[in-house]
Protein backbone atom coordinates (compact mmCIF):
# COMPACT_ATOMS: atom_id res chain seq x y z
CA MET A 1 122.71 107.91 103.68
CA VAL A 2 124.78 108.24 100.37
CA VAL A 3 122.28 106.21 98.34
CA ALA A 4 119.08 108.35 99.16
CA VAL A 5 121.42 111.77 98.47
CA VAL A 6 122.33 110.01 95.12
CA ALA A 7 118.97 108.92 94.63
CA ALA A 8 117.39 112.49 94.74
CA ALA A 9 120.48 113.82 92.79
CA ILE A 10 119.29 111.27 90.08
CA LEU A 11 115.18 112.17 90.12
CA LEU A 12 116.02 115.71 90.40
CA VAL A 13 118.00 115.20 86.80
CA ALA A 14 115.52 113.05 85.54
CA ALA A 15 112.53 115.85 86.20
CA VAL A 16 114.73 118.62 84.55
CA ALA A 17 115.45 116.32 81.54
CA GLY A 18 111.78 115.24 81.23
CA LEU A 19 110.71 118.83 81.13
CA ILE A 20 113.08 119.77 78.82
CA TYR A 21 112.09 116.64 76.23
CA LEU A 22 108.42 117.94 76.49
CA CYS A 23 109.65 121.48 75.73
CA VAL A 24 111.18 120.07 72.99
CA ILE A 25 108.18 118.04 71.27
CA GLY A 26 105.45 120.68 71.74
CA TRP A 27 103.48 122.78 73.66
CA SER A 28 100.94 120.15 74.14
CA GLY A 29 103.27 117.78 76.23
CA LEU A 30 104.22 120.95 78.36
CA THR A 31 100.80 121.44 79.26
CA PHE A 32 99.86 117.96 80.40
CA PHE A 33 103.07 118.13 82.55
CA VAL A 34 101.82 121.52 84.05
CA ALA A 35 98.56 120.44 84.70
CA CYS A 36 99.56 117.19 86.63
CA PHE A 37 101.55 119.56 88.72
CA VAL A 38 98.89 121.89 89.31
CA VAL A 39 96.27 119.01 90.04
CA ILE A 40 98.77 117.29 92.40
CA GLY A 41 99.72 120.84 94.14
CA PHE A 42 95.75 122.06 94.72
CA ALA A 43 95.44 117.86 96.24
CA ALA A 44 98.28 118.49 98.68
CA GLN A 45 97.02 121.71 99.54
CA VAL A 46 93.38 120.60 100.28
CA ARG A 47 94.88 117.56 102.34
CA ALA A 48 97.61 119.85 104.37
CA SER A 49 94.39 122.43 105.03
CA LYS A 50 92.39 119.44 106.80
CA VAL A 51 95.38 117.82 108.58
CA VAL A 52 96.42 121.61 109.90
CA GLY A 53 93.14 123.50 110.18
CA GLY A 54 90.55 121.05 110.28
CA ARG A 55 89.11 118.04 112.72
CA LEU A 56 92.53 116.39 112.51
CA ARG A 57 94.43 118.74 114.83
CA GLY A 58 96.28 117.14 118.01
CA ARG A 59 95.52 118.28 121.46
CA LEU A 60 97.29 121.32 122.80
CA ALA A 61 100.39 120.48 124.62
CA THR A 62 100.17 120.94 128.45
CA SER A 63 103.25 122.17 131.06
CA GLU A 64 102.86 118.26 132.31
CA ASP A 65 104.16 117.22 129.18
CA GLN A 66 107.26 119.36 129.14
CA ALA A 67 108.09 118.58 132.63
CA ARG A 68 107.51 114.55 131.73
CA ALA A 69 109.58 114.67 128.27
CA GLU A 70 112.12 116.95 130.02
CA GLY A 71 112.87 114.94 133.11
CA VAL A 72 112.93 111.74 130.84
CA ALA A 73 115.64 113.53 128.92
CA GLU A 74 117.85 115.19 131.19
CA ARG A 75 118.36 111.33 133.14
CA LEU A 76 119.54 110.19 130.42
CA CYS A 77 121.74 112.81 128.93
CA ILE A 78 123.38 112.52 132.48
CA ILE A 79 123.58 109.02 132.02
CA GLY A 80 125.28 109.28 128.45
CA ASP A 81 127.21 111.96 129.47
CA LEU A 82 125.37 114.51 126.78
CA VAL A 83 124.43 117.79 126.75
CA ALA A 84 120.37 118.05 127.08
CA PRO A 85 118.88 119.29 123.92
CA GLU A 86 115.66 121.43 123.87
CA ILE A 87 112.50 119.35 123.76
CA VAL A 88 109.52 120.72 121.61
CA ILE A 89 106.11 119.22 122.23
CA GLU A 90 104.15 119.75 118.74
CA ARG A 91 100.30 119.50 118.72
CA HIS A 92 99.92 116.70 116.23
CA PRO A 93 97.37 113.71 116.19
CA LEU A 94 100.15 111.41 114.98
CA PRO A 95 102.30 110.10 117.24
CA LEU A 96 106.21 110.82 116.01
CA SER A 97 109.29 112.00 117.33
CA TRP A 98 112.51 113.41 115.60
CA THR A 99 115.28 115.35 116.16
CA ASN A 100 116.73 118.48 114.45
CA ALA A 101 120.29 120.11 115.08
CA GLY A 102 122.32 123.07 114.02
CA LEU A 103 126.17 123.59 113.96
CA ARG A 104 125.58 126.58 116.19
CA ARG A 105 122.61 126.31 118.05
CA ARG A 106 121.57 123.30 120.35
CA SER A 107 119.84 120.20 119.48
CA ARG A 108 115.99 119.88 119.48
CA VAL A 109 114.07 116.97 120.03
CA HIS A 110 110.76 116.87 118.99
CA LEU A 111 107.74 114.69 120.27
CA THR A 112 104.21 115.21 119.35
CA THR A 113 101.24 115.03 121.81
CA ALA A 114 99.70 111.98 120.34
CA LEU A 115 103.28 110.43 121.24
CA LEU A 116 102.74 111.44 124.61
CA ASP A 117 99.59 110.05 124.77
CA ARG A 118 100.04 106.89 123.80
CA LEU A 119 103.25 105.91 125.52
CA ASN A 120 103.67 104.68 129.13
CA PRO A 121 107.34 106.21 130.98
CA ALA A 122 109.41 103.45 129.62
CA GLU A 123 108.44 103.60 125.88
CA LEU A 124 108.95 107.05 126.34
CA GLU A 125 112.54 106.76 127.85
CA ALA A 126 113.11 104.60 125.00
CA VAL A 127 111.88 106.84 122.50
CA ILE A 128 114.04 109.84 123.56
CA GLY A 129 116.56 107.50 123.72
CA HIS A 130 116.48 106.74 120.50
CA GLU A 131 116.81 110.76 119.66
CA LEU A 132 119.71 111.17 121.80
CA SER A 133 121.29 108.50 119.96
CA HIS A 134 121.12 110.31 116.79
CA ILE A 135 122.39 113.17 118.57
CA ALA A 136 125.46 111.48 119.88
CA GLN A 137 125.84 109.83 116.72
CA SER A 138 125.74 113.64 114.80
CA ASP A 139 122.77 112.05 112.68
CA ALA A 140 120.61 114.48 113.57
CA ALA A 141 123.22 117.45 112.47
CA LEU A 142 123.86 115.92 109.11
CA MET A 143 120.46 115.13 108.12
CA THR A 144 119.38 118.88 108.96
CA LEU A 145 122.41 119.95 107.15
CA LEU A 146 120.90 118.02 104.22
CA ALA A 147 117.48 119.23 104.27
CA THR A 148 118.62 122.89 104.47
CA ARG A 149 120.47 122.63 101.41
CA ARG A 150 117.94 120.73 99.52
CA ARG A 151 115.56 123.42 100.67
CA ARG A 152 117.77 126.22 99.51
CA SER A 153 118.67 124.75 96.01
CA PHE A 154 114.90 124.65 95.25
CA ALA A 155 113.85 128.23 96.78
CA GLY A 156 114.34 130.00 93.87
CA CYS A 157 112.10 127.32 91.48
CA VAL A 158 109.26 127.77 93.59
CA ARG A 159 108.76 131.82 92.79
């Protein structure tokens, strides 16, 4: 965790130093630098629109999906003496799961519809158990805090 935070800080300093260097050597370097970011941003936008708005969307979540995941989570929370998190079923074509938590709100376990389609009951229990272990060890709260801090620090630069 510490290595990731340090690496992110080093990359940020390197990017700023590179931008300053390009400004010093002349406008042609700066123009190339900005053009690269425009091309990368455009390509990312095109890809995101295909995933979110195109043929790569997952199926809609059903109440059976929600009940299945909540039942497993509640049973595991009783066994592990944990507060049951909110279960969020996301519409997505990839089998993913993640956890986020705040200091003042209930933790959330996110599962995608593709994950629920691919897992049998024992595998789903293992995945939810893994996500609950992140909540129990406060990994989710720490990572959510770090992600929020990073997003806020870059918010002024994007505009």
